Amino acid sequence: MDKQHLRQMLAEVAAGTVSVEQALERLRALPFEDLGYAKVDHHRALRTGFPEVVFCQNKTPEQVVGIIGALRARSEVVLGTRASAETYQKVSGRFPEAEYHEAARIIRLGRATPRDGCGPALVISAGTSDIPVAEEAALVVEAAGCAVDRVYDVGVAGLHRLLEHRPRLDAAKVIIVVAGMEGALASVVGGLVSQPVVAVPTSVGYGASFGGIAALLSMLNSCASGVVVVNIDNGFGAGYFAAMLCRQMATCATEQA
């Protein structure tokens, strides 16, 4: 339950269309619901504006189904990240509306209500091999109700491919750059735009890339201003942070209007 839904419920109680007992039942599981193997944080959307996301890796499919079920009862949209096809099969058996985005390994139930003026966030991948992490970031931004644009396979080995999309870079509110190998693309983009850039190093690369550490260090040592860096392969973290920026920008624009 987020602030919008709580405000609506309180208005319904005030209008008499929802009884106090009904409201108490809706709030019964706040701040968290204890499933034994997991304590589901139903209060998170009220605190942060986004409900808890299920990290599926190393959880059994049955545990994921239970957590998703608890969240789905009170959330407009539910995400499960790093989900296997086996886990999705279990989830879809209980929730036929569940969608599986195989490249990103994300399970999604429901769709967020689009927020006016929120975005677009532009997600850029250096190579085709970086797309799974880029898609994870893009889907998280969309789940927050923000608009997303995508430009893929425009790495520094052929920089003209990126420059062709200059109008889309200029139109973005925030830019996520996903790159493996030497991770140079984040610095290139950071030197071209005035928007904040969220850099995501990936584990794509040959042996001396050390599973993404080379790209991580390159991005951390970027000479371009306005570049922040998340962990290796952390598309979720990049998407979440970009969505927060887009939301804050939209709120500021509304307040200034």
Protein backbone atom coordinates (compact mmCIF):
# COMPACT_ATOMS: atom_id res chain seq x y z
CA MET A 1 0.00 0.00 0.00
CA ASP A 2 1.47 3.35 -1.03
CA LYS A 3 0.52 6.89 -0.04
CA GLN A 4 -1.96 7.29 -2.88
CA HIS A 5 -3.91 4.16 -1.93
CA LEU A 6 -3.80 5.02 1.78
CA ARG A 7 -5.07 8.53 1.10
CA GLN A 8 -7.88 7.11 -1.03
CA MET A 9 -8.86 4.64 1.67
CA LEU A 10 -8.93 7.34 4.36
CA ALA A 11 -11.12 9.49 2.11
CA GLU A 12 -13.51 6.54 1.67
CA VAL A 13 -13.67 6.08 5.44
CA ALA A 14 -14.41 9.78 5.86
CA ALA A 15 -17.14 9.57 3.21
CA GLY A 16 -18.66 6.48 4.84
CA THR A 17 -18.21 4.22 1.79
CA VAL A 18 -15.67 2.09 3.69
CA SER A 19 -16.24 1.10 7.30
CA VAL A 20 -13.62 1.45 10.02
CA GLU A 21 -13.56 -2.34 10.32
CA GLN A 22 -12.92 -2.73 6.60
CA ALA A 23 -10.09 -0.22 6.77
CA LEU A 24 -8.56 -2.01 9.74
CA GLU A 25 -8.64 -5.28 7.81
CA ARG A 26 -6.79 -3.68 4.90
CA LEU A 27 -4.16 -2.33 7.30
CA ARG A 28 -3.87 -5.57 9.26
CA ALA A 29 -0.60 -6.67 7.68
CA LEU A 30 1.18 -3.35 8.18
CA PRO A 31 4.05 -2.85 8.76
CA PHE A 32 5.01 -6.40 7.76
CA GLU A 33 3.55 -9.86 7.30
CA ASP A 34 5.42 -12.82 8.81
CA LEU A 35 5.36 -15.85 6.52
CA GLY A 36 7.82 -17.77 8.68
CA TYR A 37 10.52 -17.92 5.99
CA ALA A 38 10.11 -14.25 5.07
CA LYS A 39 8.85 -11.04 6.63
CA VAL A 40 7.09 -9.20 3.82
CA ASP A 41 7.49 -5.43 4.18
CA HIS A 42 4.08 -4.00 3.24
CA HIS A 43 5.10 -0.65 4.73
CA ARG A 44 7.90 -0.07 2.22
CA ALA A 45 5.72 1.63 -0.40
CA LEU A 46 4.59 4.16 2.22
CA ARG A 47 8.20 4.89 3.20
CA THR A 48 9.88 4.89 -0.20
CA GLY A 49 7.10 5.10 -2.79
CA PHE A 50 7.84 1.64 -4.20
CA PRO A 51 6.78 -1.76 -2.86
CA GLU A 52 9.21 -4.48 -1.85
CA VAL A 53 10.80 -6.33 -4.78
CA VAL A 54 11.40 -10.08 -4.53
CA PHE A 55 14.98 -11.22 -5.14
CA CYS A 56 14.24 -14.74 -6.36
CA GLN A 57 17.76 -16.15 -6.57
CA ASN A 58 18.45 -18.81 -3.91
CA LYS A 59 14.78 -18.89 -2.87
CA THR A 60 12.69 -21.95 -3.65
CA PRO A 61 9.89 -21.49 -6.19
CA GLU A 62 7.39 -22.13 -3.41
CA GLN A 63 8.88 -19.36 -1.28
CA VAL A 64 8.75 -16.95 -4.19
CA VAL A 65 5.10 -17.81 -4.82
CA GLY A 66 4.27 -17.17 -1.18
CA ILE A 67 6.04 -13.81 -1.04
CA ILE A 68 4.60 -12.65 -4.35
CA GLY A 69 1.13 -13.69 -3.20
CA ALA A 70 1.45 -11.60 -0.03
CA LEU A 71 2.66 -8.58 -1.98
CA ARG A 72 0.11 -8.95 -4.78
CA ALA A 73 -2.77 -8.69 -2.31
CA ARG A 74 -1.73 -5.13 -1.47
CA SER A 75 0.37 -3.80 -4.37
CA GLU A 76 -0.49 -2.50 -7.83
CA VAL A 77 2.65 -4.03 -9.31
CA VAL A 78 4.96 -6.78 -8.06
CA LEU A 79 8.42 -7.58 -9.37
CA GLY A 80 10.57 -10.66 -8.91
CA THR A 81 14.18 -10.21 -10.01
CA ARG A 82 16.79 -12.86 -10.95
CA ALA A 83 14.01 -15.37 -11.49
CA SER A 84 14.47 -18.67 -13.30
CA ALA A 85 12.05 -20.13 -15.80
CA GLU A 86 11.23 -22.84 -13.25
CA THR A 87 10.25 -20.23 -10.68
CA TYR A 88 8.12 -18.43 -13.24
CA GLN A 89 6.25 -21.64 -14.02
CA LYS A 90 5.32 -21.97 -10.35
CA VAL A 91 4.29 -18.31 -10.10
CA SER A 92 2.20 -18.38 -13.29
CA GLY A 93 0.43 -21.50 -12.03
CA ARG A 94 -1.02 -19.42 -9.21
CA PHE A 95 -1.07 -16.06 -10.96
CA PRO A 96 -1.88 -16.51 -14.67
CA GLU A 97 -1.41 -12.78 -15.29
CA ALA A 98 2.29 -13.02 -14.42
CA GLU A 99 4.70 -12.06 -17.20
CA TYR A 100 8.23 -13.40 -17.58
CA HIS A 101 10.92 -11.29 -19.21
CA GLU A 102 13.48 -13.97 -19.94
CA ALA A 103 16.43 -11.77 -20.89
CA ALA A 104 16.09 -9.67 -17.74
CA ARG A 105 15.03 -12.66 -15.59
CA ILE A 106 12.17 -10.60 -14.20
CA ILE A 107 8.67 -11.73 -13.24
CA ARG A 108 6.10 -8.92 -13.31
CA LEU A 109 2.54 -8.89 -12.06
CA GLY A 110 0.40 -5.85 -12.79
CA ARG A 111 1.37 -2.58 -14.39
CA ALA A 112 2.07 0.70 -12.68
CA THR A 113 -0.14 3.69 -13.37
CA PRO A 114 1.95 6.07 -15.56
CA ARG A 115 3.03 9.19 -13.69
CA ASP A 116 2.64 12.48 -15.54
CA GLY A 117 5.97 14.02 -16.47
CA CYS A 118 7.97 11.11 -15.04
CA GLY A 119 10.81 10.45 -17.45
CA PRO A 120 11.81 9.44 -19.92
CA ALA A 121 14.79 7.55 -18.60
CA LEU A 122 17.04 6.49 -21.45
CA VAL A 123 18.70 3.08 -21.09
CA ILE A 124 21.79 2.58 -23.25
CA SER A 125 23.72 -0.64 -23.70
CA ALA A 126 27.23 -0.76 -25.08
CA GLY A 127 26.74 -4.17 -26.68
CA THR A 128 24.07 -6.75 -27.36
CA SER A 129 25.60 -8.91 -24.61
CA ASP A 130 24.78 -6.15 -22.11
CA ILE A 131 21.06 -6.14 -22.95
CA PRO A 132 19.96 -8.50 -20.13
CA VAL A 133 21.23 -6.07 -17.49
CA ALA A 134 19.90 -3.10 -19.46
CA GLU A 135 16.46 -4.70 -19.67
CA GLU A 136 16.45 -5.34 -15.93
CA ALA A 137 17.04 -1.62 -15.40
CA ALA A 138 14.42 -0.58 -17.97
CA LEU A 139 11.70 -2.84 -16.54
CA VAL A 140 12.30 -1.53 -13.02
CA VAL A 141 11.91 2.06 -14.23
CA GLU A 142 8.67 1.12 -16.00
CA ALA A 143 7.40 -0.62 -12.86
CA ALA A 144 7.77 2.71 -11.05
CA GLY A 145 5.39 4.36 -13.53
CA CYS A 146 8.09 6.24 -15.44
CA ALA A 147 8.57 6.40 -19.19
CA VAL A 148 11.55 4.54 -20.69
CA ASP A 149 13.46 4.82 -23.94
CA ARG A 150 16.06 2.28 -25.10
CA VAL A 151 19.14 2.54 -27.30
CA TYR A 152 21.11 -0.70 -27.55
CA ASP A 153 24.44 -1.78 -29.05
CA VAL A 154 26.08 1.63 -29.39
CA GLY A 155 29.44 1.00 -27.73
CA VAL A 156 32.68 2.90 -28.21
CA ALA A 157 33.98 0.51 -30.87
CA GLY A 158 31.57 2.27 -33.23
CA LEU A 159 30.85 5.62 -31.62
CA HIS A 160 28.94 6.93 -34.64
CA ARG A 161 26.11 4.55 -33.64
CA LEU A 162 25.61 6.50 -30.41
CA LEU A 163 25.86 9.96 -31.97
CA GLU A 164 23.06 9.07 -34.36
CA HIS A 165 20.73 9.09 -31.34
CA ARG A 166 21.78 12.49 -29.96
CA PRO A 167 18.19 13.86 -29.94
CA ARG A 168 17.10 10.97 -27.71
CA LEU A 169 19.97 11.64 -25.33
CA ASP A 170 18.94 15.29 -25.11
CA ALA A 171 15.28 14.38 -24.47
CA ALA A 172 16.04 12.09 -21.51
CA LYS A 173 15.68 13.19 -17.89
CA VAL A 174 18.23 10.64 -16.68
CA ILE A 175 20.44 8.19 -18.58
CA ILE A 176 21.46 4.66 -17.60
CA VAL A 177 24.57 3.38 -19.35
CA VAL A 178 25.22 -0.37 -19.24
CA ALA A 179 28.63 -1.54 -20.41
CA GLY A 180 31.09 -4.38 -19.91
CA MET A 181 34.60 -4.85 -21.34
CA GLU A 182 36.46 -1.63 -20.38
CA GLY A 183 33.27 0.28 -19.51
CA ALA A 184 34.26 3.42 -21.42
CA LEU A 185 30.78 4.25 -22.72
CA ALA A 186 29.66 5.81 -19.44
CA SER A 187 32.41 8.42 -19.63
CA VAL A 188 31.60 9.17 -23.26
CA VAL A 189 27.92 9.73 -22.51
CA GLY A 190 28.74 11.71 -19.36
CA GLY A 191 30.83 14.08 -21.47
CA LEU A 192 28.02 14.66 -23.97
CA VAL A 193 24.98 15.42 -21.80
CA SER A 194 23.82 17.63 -18.94
CA GLN A 195 21.60 14.95 -17.38
CA PRO A 196 22.67 12.65 -14.54
CA VAL A 197 24.20 9.40 -15.76
CA VAL A 198 23.87 6.10 -13.88
CA ALA A 199 26.63 3.72 -14.94
CA VAL A 200 26.21 -0.05 -14.69
CA PRO A 201 29.31 -2.22 -15.21
CA THR A 202 28.55 -5.71 -16.46
CA SER A 203 30.47 -8.96 -16.15
CA VAL A 204 30.68 -9.18 -19.96
CA GLY A 205 34.25 -9.38 -21.23
CA TYR A 206 37.38 -11.47 -21.69
CA GLY A 207 39.58 -12.73 -18.86
CA ALA A 208 41.32 -9.50 -17.91
CA SER A 209 37.96 -7.82 -17.39
CA PHE A 210 37.84 -9.85 -14.14
CA GLY A 211 34.10 -10.44 -14.26
CA GLY A 212 33.25 -6.75 -14.54
CA ILE A 213 35.81 -5.32 -12.13
CA ALA A 214 37.69 -3.60 -14.99
CA ALA A 215 34.50 -1.85 -16.12
CA LEU A 216 33.61 -0.99 -12.52
CA LEU A 217 36.97 0.66 -11.89
CA SER A 218 36.85 2.54 -15.19
CA MET A 219 33.42 3.95 -14.35
CA LEU A 220 34.45 4.86 -10.78
CA ASN A 221 37.48 6.69 -12.21
CA SER A 222 35.50 8.49 -14.92
CA CYS A 223 36.71 12.00 -15.69
CA ALA A 224 33.17 12.94 -16.77
CA SER A 225 31.16 14.82 -14.15
CA GLY A 226 27.69 13.70 -13.12
CA VAL A 227 28.32 9.96 -13.40
CA VAL A 228 27.33 7.70 -10.51
CA VAL A 229 28.09 3.97 -10.47
CA VAL A 230 26.18 0.96 -9.17
CA ASN A 231 27.47 -2.56 -8.58
CA ILE A 232 28.40 -5.07 -11.29
CA ASP A 233 25.33 -6.34 -13.20
CA ASN A 234 23.04 -4.37 -10.87
CA GLY A 235 20.42 -3.29 -13.39
CA PHE A 236 17.83 -3.31 -10.61
CA GLY A 237 19.74 -0.76 -8.53
CA ALA A 238 20.31 1.49 -11.53
CA GLY A 239 16.66 1.35 -12.55
CA TYR A 240 15.46 2.04 -9.03
CA PHE A 241 17.77 5.04 -8.62
CA ALA A 242 16.85 6.44 -12.04
CA ALA A 243 13.15 6.11 -11.21
CA MET A 244 13.69 8.00 -7.95
CA LEU A 245 15.36 10.83 -9.88
CA CYS A 246 12.56 10.94 -12.44
CA ARG A 247 9.92 11.02 -9.72
CA GLN A 248 11.65 13.84 -7.87
CA MET A 249 11.98 15.85 -11.09
CA ALA A 250 8.27 15.35 -11.83
CA THR A 251 7.35 16.43 -8.29
CA CYS A 252 9.50 19.55 -8.53
CA ALA A 253 7.99 20.46 -11.90
CA THR A 254 4.47 20.08 -10.48
CA GLU A 255 5.27 22.22 -7.44
CA GLN A 256 6.76 24.96 -9.62
CA ALA A 257 3.81 25.01 -12.00
